[in-house]
Amino acid sequence: MARTKPTAAQQSWAELWPSREPRKSEPLLQALHILTRDGKLNADSRRKLKQVLHLVQFLRPAIEAALARSEDPVFADVGAGKSYLGFVLYDLILAEAGRGRMVGVETREDLVAKSRALAAESGFERMKFICAPIAEAKLDTEIEMVTALHACDTATDDAIRFALRHKAKTIALVPCCQAEVARLLEGKSGAMHQLWRHPIQRREFGAHVTNVIRGLFLEAHGYKVRVTELTGLEHSLKNELILAERHQLSNPRAQAELDKLVAEIGVRPALLDAGE
């Protein structure tokens, strides 16, 4: 008689966790609030776990390629918050590989202190945390990958500049709230004015334009860009993943498209003028 497949409610988190010894990860996942205190999954933690694992699936090929390419690759998670993405990537990929370093950049001292303590408790010796704004953070090495998960407004642009400063081969961005372009559009007239006349539409249009500009900006700097959905809208409305991999130093055709778009809309976000 065929076994009945367990329902989502019956499924253990360990069955979902792609590790040889998932139970070793339980204290870490509890500390990150991905699991409840008793090591269980509730509806909220299940959604969080699936989002994390889905993002890991996107990033794993680039991380494994970096590990194959370099003896000591460096990965950076900026605007890291509680650094759950960095911890999960380290636990699932770097710990097993036995090499590679993860650096978290966060401006809030209390979160940095907690992350340092958790890394020490977990035995993650190749995990480092810098307390600094993204725009000011500087490492003394090139970086294989930069991630920025839900960095608000122009913090995502700071992450892009950080990646360019450190010659990152891969950039993964999941933008959050984006207000700069909406502010710049306020009071603007012209042929496309109806697209942003109402405040709610101005916010939505501004957010969309911001991510389009970011993608073209990265293409102009030689990256091949893929924009996709990270999770379903039922999990998060902020679910756009911008994944960029560098293939050349620059792309004049993408730069021309970017210049044309900015000229037609009539606004120019600070990302396009800030120095690397």
C-alpha atoms as a PDB file:
ATOM      1  CA  MET A   1       0.000   0.000   0.000  1.00  0.00           C
ATOM      2  CA  ALA A   2       1.437   3.363  -1.028  1.00  0.00           C
ATOM      3  CA  ARG A   3       2.426   5.711   1.773  1.00  0.00           C
ATOM      4  CA  THR A   4       0.424   8.915   2.062  1.00  0.00           C
ATOM      5  CA  LYS A   5       2.509  12.014   1.472  1.00  0.00           C
ATOM      6  CA  PRO A   6       2.586  14.207   4.620  1.00  0.00           C
ATOM      7  CA  THR A   7       0.664  17.454   4.493  1.00  0.00           C
ATOM      8  CA  ALA A   8       2.467  20.784   4.872  1.00  0.00           C
ATOM      9  CA  ALA A   9       1.304  20.940   8.488  1.00  0.00           C
ATOM     10  CA  GLN A  10       2.699  17.457   9.191  1.00  0.00           C
ATOM     11  CA  GLN A  11       5.999  17.958   7.382  1.00  0.00           C
ATOM     12  CA  SER A  12       9.015  18.424   9.631  1.00  0.00           C
ATOM     13  CA  TRP A  13      11.350  21.346   9.024  1.00  0.00           C
ATOM     14  CA  ALA A  14      14.214  18.829   8.898  1.00  0.00           C
ATOM     15  CA  GLU A  15      12.642  17.265   5.810  1.00  0.00           C
ATOM     16  CA  LEU A  16      12.828  20.638   4.089  1.00  0.00           C
ATOM     17  CA  TRP A  17      16.317  21.607   5.250  1.00  0.00           C
ATOM     18  CA  PRO A  18      18.907  20.557   2.607  1.00  0.00           C
ATOM     19  CA  SER A  19      21.648  19.499   4.995  1.00  0.00           C
ATOM     20  CA  ARG A  20      23.237  16.118   5.692  1.00  0.00           C
ATOM     21  CA  GLU A  21      22.637  16.615   9.409  1.00  0.00           C
ATOM     22  CA  PRO A  22      19.713  19.051   9.695  1.00  0.00           C
ATOM     23  CA  ARG A  23      19.353  18.712  13.467  1.00  0.00           C
ATOM     24  CA  LYS A  24      22.714  20.413  13.941  1.00  0.00           C
ATOM     25  CA  SER A  25      21.119  23.544  12.468  1.00  0.00           C
ATOM     26  CA  GLU A  26      18.209  23.616  14.921  1.00  0.00           C
ATOM     27  CA  PRO A  27      19.776  25.969  17.538  1.00  0.00           C
ATOM     28  CA  LEU A  28      20.794  28.401  14.788  1.00  0.00           C
ATOM     29  CA  LEU A  29      17.344  28.410  13.201  1.00  0.00           C
ATOM     30  CA  GLN A  30      15.742  28.968  16.589  1.00  0.00           C
ATOM     31  CA  ALA A  31      18.066  31.904  17.270  1.00  0.00           C
ATOM     32  CA  LEU A  32      17.113  33.382  13.888  1.00  0.00           C
ATOM     33  CA  HIS A  33      13.389  32.870  14.696  1.00  0.00           C
ATOM     34  CA  ILE A  34      12.962  30.642  11.652  1.00  0.00           C
ATOM     35  CA  LEU A  35      11.939  27.909  14.083  1.00  0.00           C
ATOM     36  CA  THR A  36       9.864  28.392  17.211  1.00  0.00           C
ATOM     37  CA  ARG A  37      11.522  28.020  20.633  1.00  0.00           C
ATOM     38  CA  ASP A  38      10.487  24.364  20.809  1.00  0.00           C
ATOM     39  CA  GLY A  39      11.968  23.641  17.370  1.00  0.00           C
ATOM     40  CA  LYS A  40       8.662  23.568  15.514  1.00  0.00           C
ATOM     41  CA  LEU A  41       7.233  25.296  12.492  1.00  0.00           C
ATOM     42  CA  ASN A  42       4.178  27.500  12.737  1.00  0.00           C
ATOM     43  CA  ALA A  43       2.523  29.081   9.686  1.00  0.00           C
ATOM     44  CA  ASP A  44       4.708  32.200   9.831  1.00  0.00           C
ATOM     45  CA  SER A  45       7.978  30.321  10.358  1.00  0.00           C
ATOM     46  CA  ARG A  46       7.105  27.882   7.564  1.00  0.00           C
ATOM     47  CA  ARG A  47       6.698  30.804   5.142  1.00  0.00           C
ATOM     48  CA  LYS A  48       9.980  32.291   6.320  1.00  0.00           C
ATOM     49  CA  LEU A  49      11.794  28.967   5.964  1.00  0.00           C
ATOM     50  CA  LYS A  50      10.502  28.417   2.427  1.00  0.00           C
ATOM     51  CA  GLN A  51      11.491  31.946   1.406  1.00  0.00           C
ATOM     52  CA  VAL A  52      15.007  31.439   2.768  1.00  0.00           C
ATOM     53  CA  LEU A  53      15.442  28.094   1.028  1.00  0.00           C
ATOM     54  CA  HIS A  54      14.071  29.470  -2.232  1.00  0.00           C
ATOM     55  CA  LEU A  55      16.641  32.285  -2.158  1.00  0.00           C
ATOM     56  CA  VAL A  56      19.431  29.817  -1.342  1.00  0.00           C
ATOM     57  CA  GLN A  57      18.404  27.838  -4.419  1.00  0.00           C
ATOM     58  CA  PHE A  58      18.904  30.947  -6.565  1.00  0.00           C
ATOM     59  CA  LEU A  59      22.291  31.781  -5.008  1.00  0.00           C
ATOM     60  CA  ARG A  60      23.838  28.322  -4.630  1.00  0.00           C
ATOM     61  CA  PRO A  61      25.135  27.960  -8.245  1.00  0.00           C
ATOM     62  CA  ALA A  62      27.034  31.276  -8.066  1.00  0.00           C
ATOM     63  CA  ILE A  63      28.470  30.455  -4.635  1.00  0.00           C
ATOM     64  CA  GLU A  64      29.579  26.991  -5.729  1.00  0.00           C
ATOM     65  CA  ALA A  65      31.133  28.485  -8.878  1.00  0.00           C
ATOM     66  CA  ALA A  66      33.056  30.950  -6.687  1.00  0.00           C
ATOM     67  CA  LEU A  67      34.269  28.114  -4.453  1.00  0.00           C
ATOM     68  CA  ALA A  68      35.486  26.252  -7.545  1.00  0.00           C
ATOM     69  CA  ARG A  69      37.220  29.386  -8.827  1.00  0.00           C
ATOM     70  CA  SER A  70      38.908  30.578  -5.640  1.00  0.00           C
ATOM     71  CA  GLU A  71      40.528  29.018  -2.580  1.00  0.00           C
ATOM     72  CA  ASP A  72      39.165  31.690  -0.235  1.00  0.00           C
ATOM     73  CA  PRO A  73      36.198  33.502  -1.793  1.00  0.00           C
ATOM     74  CA  VAL A  74      34.542  36.317   0.131  1.00  0.00           C
ATOM     75  CA  PHE A  75      30.785  36.891   0.180  1.00  0.00           C
ATOM     76  CA  ALA A  76      29.097  39.968   1.643  1.00  0.00           C
ATOM     77  CA  ASP A  77      25.557  40.486   2.903  1.00  0.00           C
ATOM     78  CA  VAL A  78      24.950  44.226   3.269  1.00  0.00           C
ATOM     79  CA  GLY A  79      22.186  45.965   5.153  1.00  0.00           C
ATOM     80  CA  ALA A  80      22.212  42.594   6.881  1.00  0.00           C
ATOM     81  CA  GLY A  81      19.844  43.268   9.779  1.00  0.00           C
ATOM     82  CA  LYS A  82      19.861  40.078  11.886  1.00  0.00           C
ATOM     83  CA  SER A  83      22.033  38.470   9.172  1.00  0.00           C
ATOM     84  CA  TYR A  84      19.781  35.457   8.759  1.00  0.00           C
ATOM     85  CA  LEU A  85      20.630  35.181   5.048  1.00  0.00           C
ATOM     86  CA  GLY A  86      24.378  35.174   5.761  1.00  0.00           C
ATOM     87  CA  PHE A  87      23.963  32.609   8.536  1.00  0.00           C
ATOM     88  CA  VAL A  88      21.878  30.287   6.373  1.00  0.00           C
ATOM     89  CA  LEU A  89      24.273  30.507   3.416  1.00  0.00           C
ATOM     90  CA  TYR A  90      27.192  29.785   5.723  1.00  0.00           C
ATOM     91  CA  ASP A  91      25.404  26.874   7.414  1.00  0.00           C
ATOM     92  CA  LEU A  92      24.198  25.212   4.216  1.00  0.00           C
ATOM     93  CA  ILE A  93      27.110  25.899   1.850  1.00  0.00           C
ATOM     94  CA  LEU A  94      30.289  27.396   3.333  1.00  0.00           C
ATOM     95  CA  ALA A  95      30.417  25.216   6.458  1.00  0.00           C
ATOM     96  CA  GLU A  96      30.242  22.057   4.368  1.00  0.00           C
ATOM     97  CA  ALA A  97      32.796  23.411   1.878  1.00  0.00           C
ATOM     98  CA  GLY A  98      35.236  24.155   4.707  1.00  0.00           C
ATOM     99  CA  ARG A  99      36.305  27.446   3.164  1.00  0.00           C
ATOM    100  CA  GLY A 100      34.993  30.786   2.002  1.00  0.00           C
ATOM    101  CA  ARG A 101      34.241  33.813   4.186  1.00  0.00           C
ATOM    102  CA  MET A 102      30.968  35.601   4.872  1.00  0.00           C
ATOM    103  CA  VAL A 103      30.927  39.285   5.833  1.00  0.00           C
ATOM    104  CA  GLY A 104      27.829  41.028   7.172  1.00  0.00           C
ATOM    105  CA  VAL A 105      27.535  44.812   6.979  1.00  0.00           C
ATOM    106  CA  GLU A 106      25.012  46.457   9.297  1.00  0.00           C
ATOM    107  CA  THR A 107      24.768  49.921  10.829  1.00  0.00           C
ATOM    108  CA  ARG A 108      22.920  49.011  14.062  1.00  0.00           C
ATOM    109  CA  GLU A 109      25.409  48.136  16.797  1.00  0.00           C
ATOM    110  CA  ASP A 110      23.010  45.939  18.786  1.00  0.00           C
ATOM    111  CA  LEU A 111      22.292  43.714  15.782  1.00  0.00           C
ATOM    112  CA  VAL A 112      25.993  43.447  14.948  1.00  0.00           C
ATOM    113  CA  ALA A 113      26.782  42.441  18.541  1.00  0.00           C
ATOM    114  CA  LYS A 114      24.066  39.749  18.497  1.00  0.00           C
ATOM    115  CA  SER A 115      25.277  38.418  15.149  1.00  0.00           C
ATOM    116  CA  ARG A 116      28.872  38.213  16.372  1.00  0.00           C
ATOM    117  CA  ALA A 117      27.736  36.306  19.457  1.00  0.00           C
ATOM    118  CA  LEU A 118      25.606  33.906  17.400  1.00  0.00           C
ATOM    119  CA  ALA A 119      28.474  33.251  14.969  1.00  0.00           C
ATOM    120  CA  ALA A 120      30.755  32.408  17.913  1.00  0.00           C
ATOM    121  CA  GLU A 121      28.118  30.111  19.467  1.00  0.00           C
ATOM    122  CA  SER A 122      27.617  28.363  16.116  1.00  0.00           C
ATOM    123  CA  GLY A 123      31.336  27.879  15.504  1.00  0.00           C
ATOM    124  CA  PHE A 124      31.237  29.949  12.317  1.00  0.00           C
ATOM    125  CA  GLU A 125      34.846  31.119  12.468  1.00  0.00           C
ATOM    126  CA  ARG A 126      34.907  32.472   8.926  1.00  0.00           C
ATOM    127  CA  MET A 127      32.002  34.840   9.528  1.00  0.00           C
ATOM    128  CA  LYS A 128      32.740  38.528  10.202  1.00  0.00           C
ATOM    129  CA  PHE A 129      30.543  41.550  10.897  1.00  0.00           C
ATOM    130  CA  ILE A 130      31.210  45.219  10.177  1.00  0.00           C
ATOM    131  CA  CYS A 131      29.263  47.967  11.941  1.00  0.00           C
ATOM    132  CA  ALA A 132      29.058  50.741   9.337  1.00  0.00           C
ATOM    133  CA  PRO A 133      26.714  52.296   6.781  1.00  0.00           C
ATOM    134  CA  ILE A 134      26.854  50.437   3.469  1.00  0.00           C
ATOM    135  CA  ALA A 135      28.099  53.561   1.683  1.00  0.00           C
ATOM    136  CA  GLU A 136      31.113  53.777   4.031  1.00  0.00           C
ATOM    137  CA  ALA A 137      31.981  50.092   4.421  1.00  0.00           C
ATOM    138  CA  LYS A 138      35.252  49.075   2.807  1.00  0.00           C
ATOM    139  CA  LEU A 139      36.947  45.686   2.675  1.00  0.00           C
ATOM    140  CA  ASP A 140      40.558  45.116   1.660  1.00  0.00           C
ATOM    141  CA  THR A 141      39.666  42.461  -0.894  1.00  0.00           C
ATOM    142  CA  GLU A 142      37.505  41.836  -3.919  1.00  0.00           C
ATOM    143  CA  ILE A 143      34.198  40.111  -3.249  1.00  0.00           C
ATOM    144  CA  GLU A 144      32.662  37.250  -5.188  1.00  0.00           C
ATOM    145  CA  MET A 145      29.041  38.003  -4.303  1.00  0.00           C
ATOM    146  CA  VAL A 146      27.085  40.834  -2.680  1.00  0.00           C
ATOM    147  CA  THR A 147      23.560  40.257  -1.386  1.00  0.00           C
ATOM    148  CA  ALA A 148      21.093  42.844  -0.096  1.00  0.00           C
ATOM    149  CA  LEU A 149      17.792  41.529   1.183  1.00  0.00           C
ATOM    150  CA  HIS A 150      15.051  44.144   1.768  1.00  0.00           C
ATOM    151  CA  ALA A 151      17.460  47.089   2.045  1.00  0.00           C
ATOM    152  CA  CYS A 152      15.098  50.073   2.192  1.00  0.00           C
ATOM    153  CA  ASP A 153      14.923  52.906  -0.335  1.00  0.00           C
ATOM    154  CA  THR A 154      18.389  54.051  -1.484  1.00  0.00           C
ATOM    155  CA  ALA A 155      20.178  51.471   0.721  1.00  0.00           C
ATOM    156  CA  THR A 156      19.793  49.070  -2.212  1.00  0.00           C
ATOM    157  CA  ASP A 157      21.633  51.610  -4.369  1.00  0.00           C
ATOM    158  CA  ASP A 158      24.376  51.770  -1.710  1.00  0.00           C
ATOM    159  CA  ALA A 159      24.604  47.980  -2.013  1.00  0.00           C
ATOM    160  CA  ILE A 160      25.084  48.291  -5.779  1.00  0.00           C
ATOM    161  CA  ARG A 161      27.879  50.839  -5.290  1.00  0.00           C
ATOM    162  CA  PHE A 162      29.463  48.638  -2.617  1.00  0.00           C
ATOM    163  CA  ALA A 163      29.441  45.737  -5.073  1.00  0.00           C
ATOM    164  CA  LEU A 164      31.040  47.830  -7.808  1.00  0.00           C
ATOM    165  CA  ARG A 165      33.736  49.130  -5.430  1.00  0.00           C
ATOM    166  CA  HIS A 166      34.656  45.565  -4.544  1.00  0.00           C
ATOM    167  CA  LYS A 167      34.398  44.218  -8.104  1.00  0.00           C
ATOM    168  CA  ALA A 168      31.699  41.701  -7.195  1.00  0.00           C
ATOM    169  CA  LYS A 169      31.112  39.038  -9.816  1.00  0.00           C
ATOM    170  CA  THR A 170      27.533  38.401  -8.651  1.00  0.00           C
ATOM    171  CA  ILE A 171      24.957  40.742  -7.104  1.00  0.00           C
ATOM    172  CA  ALA A 172      21.623  39.610  -5.659  1.00  0.00           C
ATOM    173  CA  LEU A 173      19.123  42.289  -4.627  1.00  0.00           C
ATOM    174  CA  VAL A 174      15.639  42.018  -3.151  1.00  0.00           C
ATOM    175  CA  PRO A 175      14.595  45.692  -2.869  1.00  0.00           C
ATOM    176  CA  CYS A 176      12.160  46.905  -0.237  1.00  0.00           C
ATOM    177  CA  CYS A 177      10.416  50.295  -0.027  1.00  0.00           C
ATOM    178  CA  GLN A 178      11.596  52.781  -2.661  1.00  0.00           C
ATOM    179  CA  ALA A 179      10.666  56.430  -2.273  1.00  0.00           C
ATOM    180  CA  GLU A 180      13.361  58.480  -4.003  1.00  0.00           C
ATOM    181  CA  VAL A 181      11.966  58.417  -7.548  1.00  0.00           C
ATOM    182  CA  ALA A 182       8.416  59.019  -6.292  1.00  0.00           C
ATOM    183  CA  ARG A 183       9.672  62.166  -4.557  1.00  0.00           C
ATOM    184  CA  LEU A 184      11.421  63.300  -7.721  1.00  0.00           C
ATOM    185  CA  LEU A 185       8.275  62.720  -9.797  1.00  0.00           C
ATOM    186  CA  GLU A 186       6.076  64.845  -7.552  1.00  0.00           C
ATOM    187  CA  GLY A 187       5.061  67.984  -9.447  1.00  0.00           C
ATOM    188  CA  LYS A 188       6.592  66.752 -12.707  1.00  0.00           C
ATOM    189  CA  SER A 189       4.495  67.338 -15.802  1.00  0.00           C
ATOM    190  CA  GLY A 190       4.888  66.081 -19.350  1.00  0.00           C
ATOM    191  CA  ALA A 191       3.511  63.524 -21.769  1.00  0.00           C
ATOM    192  CA  MET A 192       3.577  60.690 -19.203  1.00  0.00           C
ATOM    193  CA  HIS A 193       2.263  62.716 -16.264  1.00  0.00           C
ATOM    194  CA  GLN A 194      -0.878  60.584 -15.937  1.00  0.00           C
ATOM    195  CA  LEU A 195       1.287  57.607 -14.955  1.00  0.00           C
ATOM    196  CA  TRP A 196       2.142  59.265 -11.647  1.00  0.00           C
ATOM    197  CA  ARG A 197      -0.531  61.924 -11.071  1.00  0.00           C
ATOM    198  CA  HIS A 198      -2.148  60.118  -8.134  1.00  0.00           C
ATOM    199  CA  PRO A 199       0.086  59.539  -5.047  1.00  0.00           C
ATOM    200  CA  ILE A 200      -0.578  55.784  -4.783  1.00  0.00           C
ATOM    201  CA  GLN A 201       0.244  55.316  -8.476  1.00  0.00           C
ATOM    202  CA  ARG A 202       3.272  57.569  -8.130  1.00  0.00           C
ATOM    203  CA  ARG A 203       4.642  55.289  -5.394  1.00  0.00           C
ATOM    204  CA  GLU A 204       4.049  52.136  -7.446  1.00  0.00           C
ATOM    205  CA  PHE A 205       5.336  53.632 -10.685  1.00  0.00           C
ATOM    206  CA  GLY A 206       8.342  55.106  -8.884  1.00  0.00           C
ATOM    207  CA  ALA A 207       9.230  51.735  -7.359  1.00  0.00           C
ATOM    208  CA  HIS A 208       8.948  50.000 -10.736  1.00  0.00           C
ATOM    209  CA  VAL A 209      11.054  52.654 -12.487  1.00  0.00           C
ATOM    210  CA  THR A 210      13.660  52.450  -9.723  1.00  0.00           C
ATOM    211  CA  ASN A 211      14.211  48.735 -10.287  1.00  0.00           C
ATOM    212  CA  VAL A 212      14.243  49.144 -14.074  1.00  0.00           C
ATOM    213  CA  ILE A 213      16.945  51.816 -13.704  1.00  0.00           C
ATOM    214  CA  ARG A 214      18.927  49.586 -11.337  1.00  0.00           C
ATOM    215  CA  GLY A 215      18.843  46.733 -13.826  1.00  0.00           C
ATOM    216  CA  LEU A 216      19.957  48.929 -16.722  1.00  0.00           C
ATOM    217  CA  PHE A 217      22.652  50.532 -14.554  1.00  0.00           C
ATOM    218  CA  LEU A 218      24.093  47.093 -13.772  1.00  0.00           C
ATOM    219  CA  GLU A 219      23.895  46.092 -17.437  1.00  0.00           C
ATOM    220  CA  ALA A 220      25.764  49.276 -18.351  1.00  0.00           C
ATOM    221  CA  HIS A 221      28.498  48.143 -15.947  1.00  0.00           C
ATOM    222  CA  GLY A 222      28.860  44.833 -17.732  1.00  0.00           C
ATOM    223  CA  TYR A 223      26.481  42.599 -15.795  1.00  0.00           C
ATOM    224  CA  LYS A 224      23.995  40.176 -17.283  1.00  0.00           C
ATOM    225  CA  VAL A 225      20.791  40.866 -15.348  1.00  0.00           C
ATOM    226  CA  ARG A 226      17.877  38.578 -14.599  1.00  0.00           C
ATOM    227  CA  VAL A 227      14.785  39.911 -12.829  1.00  0.00           C
ATOM    228  CA  THR A 228      12.398  37.353 -11.395  1.00  0.00           C
ATOM    229  CA  GLU A 229       9.882  36.686  -8.646  1.00  0.00           C
ATOM    230  CA  LEU A 230      11.455  35.536  -5.392  1.00  0.00           C
ATOM    231  CA  THR A 231       8.299  34.286  -3.690  1.00  0.00           C
ATOM    232  CA  GLY A 232       4.591  34.307  -4.402  1.00  0.00           C
ATOM    233  CA  LEU A 233       2.652  37.468  -3.605  1.00  0.00           C
ATOM    234  CA  GLU A 234       0.850  35.555  -0.869  1.00  0.00           C
ATOM    235  CA  HIS A 235       4.141  35.523   1.080  1.00  0.00           C
ATOM    236  CA  SER A 236       5.449  39.033   0.432  1.00  0.00           C
ATOM    237  CA  LEU A 237       4.625  42.010  -1.771  1.00  0.00           C
ATOM    238  CA  LYS A 238       8.358  42.857  -1.859  1.00  0.00           C
ATOM    239  CA  ASN A 239       9.351  39.855  -3.916  1.00  0.00           C
ATOM    240  CA  GLU A 240      11.356  41.114  -6.892  1.00  0.00           C
ATOM    241  CA  LEU A 241      14.796  39.526  -7.179  1.00  0.00           C
ATOM    242  CA  ILE A 242      17.438  41.291  -9.276  1.00  0.00           C
ATOM    243  CA  LEU A 243      20.265  38.836  -9.997  1.00  0.00           C
ATOM    244  CA  ALA A 244      23.304  40.185 -11.841  1.00  0.00           C
ATOM    245  CA  GLU A 245      26.451  38.365 -13.016  1.00  0.00           C
ATOM    246  CA  ARG A 246      29.373  40.250 -14.475  1.00  0.00           C
ATOM    247  CA  HIS A 247      30.447  39.291 -17.991  1.00  0.00           C
ATOM    248  CA  GLN A 248      32.324  42.390 -19.190  1.00  0.00           C
ATOM    249  CA  LEU A 249      33.577  45.755 -17.955  1.00  0.00           C
ATOM    250  CA  SER A 250      30.884  47.851 -19.598  1.00  0.00           C
ATOM    251  CA  ASN A 251      27.969  47.768 -22.029  1.00  0.00           C
ATOM    252  CA  PRO A 252      27.569  50.963 -24.119  1.00  0.00           C
ATOM    253  CA  ARG A 253      24.259  49.789 -25.580  1.00  0.00           C
ATOM    254  CA  ALA A 254      22.708  49.379 -22.118  1.00  0.00           C
ATOM    255  CA  GLN A 255      24.116  52.766 -21.122  1.00  0.00           C
ATOM    256  CA  ALA A 256      22.408  54.364 -24.119  1.00  0.00           C
ATOM    257  CA  GLU A 257      19.090  52.733 -23.181  1.00  0.00           C
ATOM    258  CA  LEU A 258      19.488  53.978 -19.614  1.00  0.00           C
ATOM    259  CA  ASP A 259      20.235  57.535 -20.746  1.00  0.00           C
ATOM    260  CA  LYS A 260      17.200  57.496 -23.029  1.00  0.00           C
ATOM    261  CA  LEU A 261      14.883  56.234 -20.294  1.00  0.00           C
ATOM    262  CA  VAL A 262      16.060  58.835 -17.780  1.00  0.00           C
ATOM    263  CA  ALA A 263      15.649  61.619 -20.343  1.00  0.00           C
ATOM    264  CA  GLU A 264      12.094  60.552 -21.236  1.00  0.00           C
ATOM    265  CA  ILE A 265      10.894  60.246 -17.639  1.00  0.00           C
ATOM    266  CA  GLY A 266      12.680  63.399 -16.564  1.00  0.00           C
ATOM    267  CA  VAL A 267      14.088  62.256 -13.222  1.00  0.00           C
ATOM    268  CA  ARG A 268      17.604  61.138 -12.337  1.00  0.00           C
ATOM    269  CA  PRO A 269      18.122  59.139  -9.102  1.00  0.00           C
ATOM    270  CA  ALA A 270      21.332  59.705  -7.139  1.00  0.00           C
ATOM    271  CA  LEU A 271      22.587  56.205  -8.021  1.00  0.00           C
ATOM    272  CA  LEU A 272      23.497  57.461 -11.489  1.00  0.00           C
ATOM    273  CA  ASP A 273      25.644  60.325 -10.214  1.00  0.00           C
ATOM    274  CA  ALA A 274      27.382  58.897  -7.141  1.00  0.00           C
ATOM    275  CA  GLY A 275      31.006  57.922  -7.553  1.00  0.00           C
ATOM    276  CA  GLU A 276      32.055  54.330  -7.192  1.00  0.00           C
END
